[in-house]
Amino acid sequence: MGTTDLHAERTTMTELNAERARQAIVEYTRRLAESAVAAGPDAAVPTAPEWTVTDLVEHVGQTQHWVAEIIERRITDPAKLPTEMAVIPTDPSEWPASLSESAQRVANACSDDALDAPVFNPARDERTGTRFWLSSSLNEAVVHGADAANAAGRPADVDADVAAALISNHFAMLTSPTWEMLRSESAHAIRGTGQTLQWLATDTADDAGAWFVERRPDGATWRPGREGADVTVTGPAHSLLLTLTRRRQFTDRATTGISIDGDTALVQHWIDNTAHIAD
């Protein structure tokens, strides 16, 4: 199967349509803000140990404004990326309005007219720049929303279709052309001699929640679908996402609802060496 065909299959099976993704960015950022206010500005973030909740809010708000500017200005040259970051209020009472503004700005920037416009794509994969940033911005809102919920002692609920799309984005990043350059230690660690991992979501339609990973000598690859594997990890899509992004421990079966059939060590190795959104 060629690259074009594989991308088409990924799009059909695991990507959100743009309008759903835009709405989700706004919604999950709203949830993040609510959790952040509930936790308080000085609260520690257990899943991002070096951060306080204030740091988390600042990171998300600034990143959303930064991404929006890249798309609005149709920046294609990485040397011309924005260097000034937005000022985010430190008063928690102002966080909901501030994050609502930044989320809406990046959602608006990812308009239908911009989806196929020339914009810098750091992954340098087959996606256009705006489509890359749309997925990346949603990932930030959802995963850091889970961080904020954890800090506030709240459940981190993620809709199954959103979680499935972000799992695909996760694997796309880990196998993108620039991954070895940016995170060579990770890229080398997840190479192998043919070891395979199958991830299956129990709450998505048809095979929309099936991801097959193969650790090859020249690099890890993934494709959608169900195949025989050395280990199969099964559970709700949101649990798979939060496990892959190290926001939950897959061994905590009571919390995650995840089951594992096969070589558990392969799962642990993969998670230990794929932390691109844990920083």
Protein backbone atom coordinates (compact mmCIF):
# COMPACT_ATOMS: atom_id res chain seq x y z
CA MET A 1 0.00 0.00 0.00
CA GLY A 2 1.48 3.38 -0.99
CA THR A 3 1.76 6.45 1.20
CA THR A 4 -1.21 8.15 -0.42
CA ASP A 5 -3.45 5.14 0.08
CA LEU A 6 -2.38 4.73 3.67
CA HIS A 7 -3.09 8.38 4.42
CA ALA A 8 -6.53 8.07 2.86
CA GLU A 9 -7.28 5.07 5.05
CA ARG A 10 -6.10 6.92 8.14
CA THR A 11 -8.28 9.88 7.26
CA THR A 12 -11.35 7.73 6.78
CA MET A 13 -10.86 5.72 9.93
CA THR A 14 -9.31 7.89 12.58
CA GLU A 15 -9.42 11.61 11.81
CA LEU A 16 -12.06 14.04 13.01
CA ASN A 17 -13.58 16.33 10.44
CA ALA A 18 -12.29 19.88 10.77
CA GLU A 19 -15.45 21.37 12.26
CA ARG A 20 -15.61 18.70 14.97
CA ALA A 21 -11.92 19.29 15.75
CA ARG A 22 -12.42 23.05 16.00
CA GLN A 23 -15.38 22.65 18.32
CA ALA A 24 -13.45 20.17 20.43
CA ILE A 25 -10.51 22.55 20.87
CA VAL A 26 -12.87 25.16 22.32
CA GLU A 27 -14.76 22.65 24.47
CA TYR A 28 -11.74 20.87 25.95
CA THR A 29 -9.99 24.17 26.61
CA ARG A 30 -13.11 25.27 28.52
CA ARG A 31 -12.93 22.11 30.60
CA LEU A 32 -9.22 22.70 31.20
CA ALA A 33 -9.90 26.22 32.47
CA GLU A 34 -12.61 24.99 34.84
CA SER A 35 -10.30 22.35 36.29
CA ALA A 36 -7.44 24.84 36.57
CA VAL A 37 -9.58 27.28 38.55
CA ALA A 38 -10.79 24.47 40.80
CA ALA A 39 -7.23 23.28 41.45
CA GLY A 40 -5.83 26.74 42.19
CA PRO A 41 -2.80 28.56 40.76
CA ASP A 42 -0.15 27.01 43.01
CA ALA A 43 -1.38 23.43 42.82
CA ALA A 44 1.13 20.88 41.60
CA VAL A 45 0.42 19.00 38.39
CA PRO A 46 1.14 15.32 39.20
CA THR A 47 1.40 14.28 35.55
CA ALA A 48 3.75 17.19 34.73
CA PRO A 49 5.79 17.31 37.95
CA GLU A 50 7.79 20.44 37.18
CA TRP A 51 4.69 22.55 36.58
CA THR A 52 2.16 24.33 38.72
CA VAL A 53 -1.35 24.90 37.42
CA THR A 54 -0.34 28.47 36.59
CA ASP A 55 2.47 27.13 34.39
CA LEU A 56 0.02 24.79 32.68
CA VAL A 57 -2.48 27.56 31.90
CA GLU A 58 0.27 29.83 30.60
CA HIS A 59 1.66 27.10 28.36
CA VAL A 60 -1.70 26.26 26.81
CA GLY A 61 -2.80 29.86 26.28
CA GLN A 62 0.52 30.97 24.82
CA THR A 63 0.75 27.94 22.54
CA GLN A 64 -2.74 28.52 21.16
CA HIS A 65 -1.97 32.16 20.32
CA TRP A 66 1.41 31.16 18.85
CA VAL A 67 -0.10 28.49 16.61
CA ALA A 68 -2.90 30.82 15.51
CA GLU A 69 -0.33 33.42 14.42
CA ILE A 70 1.58 30.85 12.38
CA ILE A 71 -1.56 29.94 10.46
CA GLU A 72 -2.92 33.48 10.19
CA ARG A 73 0.35 34.70 8.69
CA ARG A 74 0.72 31.55 6.52
CA ILE A 75 4.26 31.06 7.77
CA THR A 76 6.15 28.42 5.80
CA ASP A 77 9.72 29.18 6.87
CA PRO A 78 10.59 27.82 10.37
CA ALA A 79 13.14 30.63 10.70
CA LYS A 80 10.23 33.08 10.71
CA LEU A 81 8.14 31.47 13.45
CA PRO A 82 6.80 33.92 16.07
CA THR A 83 9.26 34.79 18.82
CA GLU A 84 7.02 36.80 21.14
CA MET A 85 4.57 34.96 23.37
CA ALA A 86 1.18 36.23 24.51
CA VAL A 87 0.77 37.45 28.07
CA ILE A 88 -1.61 35.18 29.99
CA PRO A 89 -3.22 36.53 33.20
CA THR A 90 -2.07 35.03 36.49
CA ASP A 91 -5.39 35.73 38.23
CA PRO A 92 -7.42 32.48 38.11
CA SER A 93 -10.66 34.43 37.82
CA GLU A 94 -9.46 35.61 34.39
CA TRP A 95 -8.41 32.19 33.11
CA PRO A 96 -11.75 31.07 31.62
CA ALA A 97 -12.10 34.21 29.48
CA SER A 98 -8.43 34.22 28.50
CA LEU A 99 -8.34 30.58 27.47
CA SER A 100 -11.67 30.91 25.70
CA GLU A 101 -10.15 33.70 23.63
CA SER A 102 -6.98 31.77 22.76
CA ALA A 103 -8.91 28.58 21.93
CA GLN A 104 -11.35 30.41 19.70
CA ARG A 105 -8.50 32.21 17.95
CA VAL A 106 -6.71 29.00 17.01
CA ALA A 107 -9.99 27.34 16.02
CA ASN A 108 -10.82 30.31 13.78
CA ALA A 109 -7.33 30.25 12.28
CA CYS A 110 -7.91 26.61 11.26
CA SER A 111 -10.80 27.61 9.02
CA ASP A 112 -11.79 25.56 6.01
CA ASP A 113 -10.05 28.12 3.79
CA ALA A 114 -6.79 27.59 5.67
CA LEU A 115 -6.80 23.79 5.81
CA ASP A 116 -4.85 23.32 2.59
CA ALA A 117 -2.97 26.62 2.58
CA PRO A 118 0.84 26.58 2.67
CA VAL A 119 1.80 26.56 6.36
CA PHE A 120 4.86 25.11 8.13
CA ASN A 121 4.38 21.52 9.32
CA PRO A 122 7.05 20.55 11.89
CA ALA A 123 6.34 16.84 11.40
CA ARG A 124 7.03 17.12 7.65
CA ASP A 125 4.61 14.29 7.01
CA GLU A 126 1.85 14.15 4.39
CA ARG A 127 -0.48 16.50 6.30
CA THR A 128 -0.74 20.17 5.40
CA GLY A 129 0.57 22.55 8.02
CA THR A 130 -2.85 23.69 9.16
CA ARG A 131 -4.12 20.12 9.50
CA PHE A 132 -1.04 19.30 11.56
CA TRP A 133 -1.62 22.30 13.86
CA LEU A 134 -5.34 21.49 14.15
CA SER A 135 -4.51 18.03 15.52
CA SER A 136 -1.67 19.38 17.64
CA SER A 137 -3.87 22.09 19.20
CA LEU A 138 -6.58 19.58 20.00
CA ASN A 139 -3.98 17.30 21.53
CA GLU A 140 -2.73 20.13 23.76
CA ALA A 141 -6.23 20.97 24.97
CA VAL A 142 -7.18 17.36 25.69
CA VAL A 143 -3.97 16.01 27.22
CA HIS A 144 -3.22 19.13 29.25
CA GLY A 145 -6.89 19.19 30.18
CA ALA A 146 -6.30 15.77 31.70
CA ASP A 147 -3.35 17.27 33.59
CA ALA A 148 -5.55 20.03 34.98
CA ALA A 149 -8.31 17.59 35.90
CA ASN A 150 -5.79 15.41 37.68
CA ALA A 151 -4.50 18.42 39.64
CA ALA A 152 -8.07 19.23 40.67
CA GLY A 153 -8.96 15.64 41.56
CA ARG A 154 -11.50 15.45 38.75
CA PRO A 155 -12.09 12.71 36.17
CA ALA A 156 -10.51 13.35 32.77
CA ASP A 157 -13.31 12.44 30.38
CA VAL A 158 -12.51 12.36 26.65
CA ASP A 159 -15.04 11.54 23.94
CA ALA A 160 -14.21 8.33 22.10
CA ASP A 161 -13.97 9.92 18.65
CA VAL A 162 -11.66 12.66 19.94
CA ALA A 163 -9.48 10.15 21.77
CA ALA A 164 -9.24 7.91 18.69
CA ALA A 165 -8.18 10.81 16.48
CA LEU A 166 -5.51 11.81 18.97
CA ILE A 167 -4.17 8.27 19.22
CA SER A 168 -3.68 8.37 15.45
CA ASN A 169 -1.98 11.74 15.82
CA HIS A 170 0.25 10.26 18.52
CA PHE A 171 1.43 7.45 16.27
CA ALA A 172 1.79 9.83 13.31
CA MET A 173 4.13 12.01 15.34
CA LEU A 174 6.23 9.10 16.58
CA THR A 175 6.73 7.82 13.03
CA SER A 176 7.03 11.19 11.27
CA PRO A 177 10.11 12.06 9.18
CA THR A 178 11.38 14.55 11.76
CA TRP A 179 10.97 12.38 14.86
CA GLU A 180 14.45 10.91 14.73
CA MET A 181 15.96 14.35 14.34
CA LEU A 182 14.00 15.81 17.27
CA ARG A 183 13.94 12.80 19.59
CA SER A 184 16.63 10.46 18.36
CA GLU A 185 16.80 8.52 21.63
CA SER A 186 13.10 7.69 21.42
CA ALA A 187 13.24 6.89 17.70
CA HIS A 188 16.11 4.46 18.22
CA ALA A 189 14.51 2.86 21.29
CA ILE A 190 11.30 1.97 19.46
CA ARG A 191 13.09 0.29 16.59
CA GLY A 192 13.08 -3.47 16.75
CA THR A 193 13.28 -6.73 14.88
CA GLY A 194 9.63 -7.09 13.96
CA GLN A 195 7.91 -6.88 17.35
CA THR A 196 4.26 -5.91 16.95
CA LEU A 197 1.68 -4.18 19.13
CA GLN A 198 -2.06 -3.96 18.47
CA TRP A 199 -4.12 -1.25 20.18
CA LEU A 200 -7.90 -1.70 20.14
CA ALA A 201 -10.56 0.72 21.39
CA THR A 202 -13.76 -0.88 22.64
CA ASP A 203 -16.03 2.14 22.16
CA THR A 204 -15.47 3.29 18.58
CA ALA A 205 -17.41 2.39 15.45
CA ASP A 206 -16.18 -0.47 13.28
CA ASP A 207 -12.37 -0.43 13.08
CA ALA A 208 -12.01 3.30 13.72
CA GLY A 209 -10.20 2.42 16.94
CA ALA A 210 -7.61 -0.10 15.74
CA TRP A 211 -3.91 0.68 15.43
CA PHE A 212 -1.19 -1.79 14.47
CA VAL A 213 2.43 -0.91 15.34
CA GLU A 214 5.51 -2.71 14.07
CA ARG A 215 9.02 -2.15 15.42
CA ARG A 216 11.29 -2.55 12.40
CA PRO A 217 15.11 -2.23 12.24
CA ASP A 218 14.80 1.00 10.23
CA GLY A 219 12.13 2.53 12.47
CA ALA A 220 8.69 2.00 13.95
CA THR A 221 5.66 2.09 11.66
CA TRP A 222 1.92 2.09 12.24
CA ARG A 223 -1.21 1.52 10.21
CA PRO A 224 -4.91 1.38 11.03
CA GLY A 225 -6.63 -1.98 11.32
CA ARG A 226 -6.59 -5.28 13.18
CA GLU A 227 -3.79 -7.80 12.74
CA GLY A 228 -2.21 -10.54 14.77
CA ALA A 229 0.39 -9.08 17.15
CA ASP A 230 2.82 -10.02 19.89
CA VAL A 231 0.66 -8.06 22.31
CA THR A 232 -2.86 -6.63 22.07
CA VAL A 233 -3.96 -3.78 24.32
CA THR A 234 -7.73 -3.33 24.55
CA GLY A 235 -9.79 -0.70 26.34
CA PRO A 236 -11.86 2.47 26.01
CA ALA A 237 -10.32 4.98 23.59
CA HIS A 238 -9.82 7.62 26.27
CA SER A 239 -7.98 5.12 28.47
CA LEU A 240 -5.71 4.11 25.60
CA LEU A 241 -4.96 7.77 24.86
CA LEU A 242 -4.20 8.69 28.45
CA THR A 243 -2.08 5.57 28.84
CA LEU A 244 -0.09 6.24 25.67
CA THR A 245 0.52 9.82 26.80
CA ARG A 246 1.50 8.61 30.28
CA ARG A 247 -1.39 10.29 32.06
CA ARG A 248 -2.51 6.91 33.41
CA GLN A 249 -0.75 3.70 34.33
CA PHE A 250 -1.89 0.80 32.15
CA THR A 251 -1.38 -1.50 35.12
CA ASP A 252 -4.19 0.26 37.01
CA ARG A 253 -6.88 -1.96 35.49
CA ALA A 254 -9.64 -0.73 37.82
CA THR A 255 -9.20 2.85 36.57
CA THR A 256 -8.37 2.28 32.93
CA GLY A 257 -10.46 -0.73 31.99
CA ILE A 258 -7.53 -1.89 29.86
CA SER A 259 -6.72 -5.53 29.22
CA ILE A 260 -3.50 -6.91 27.77
CA ASP A 261 -3.10 -10.15 25.85
CA GLY A 262 0.50 -11.05 25.15
CA ASP A 263 3.90 -9.61 26.04
CA THR A 264 3.26 -6.88 28.63
CA ALA A 265 6.94 -5.90 28.56
CA LEU A 266 6.50 -4.69 24.96
CA VAL A 267 3.75 -2.32 26.09
CA GLN A 268 5.81 -0.99 28.98
CA HIS A 269 8.83 -0.48 26.72
CA TRP A 270 6.76 1.44 24.18
CA ILE A 271 5.25 3.76 26.78
CA ASP A 272 8.58 4.31 28.53
CA ASN A 273 10.19 5.46 25.27
CA THR A 274 7.47 7.58 23.64
CA ALA A 275 7.01 10.65 25.81
CA HIS A 276 6.65 13.37 23.17
CA ILE A 277 3.67 15.00 24.92
CA ALA A 278 4.78 14.47 28.48
CA ASP A 279 6.96 17.58 28.54
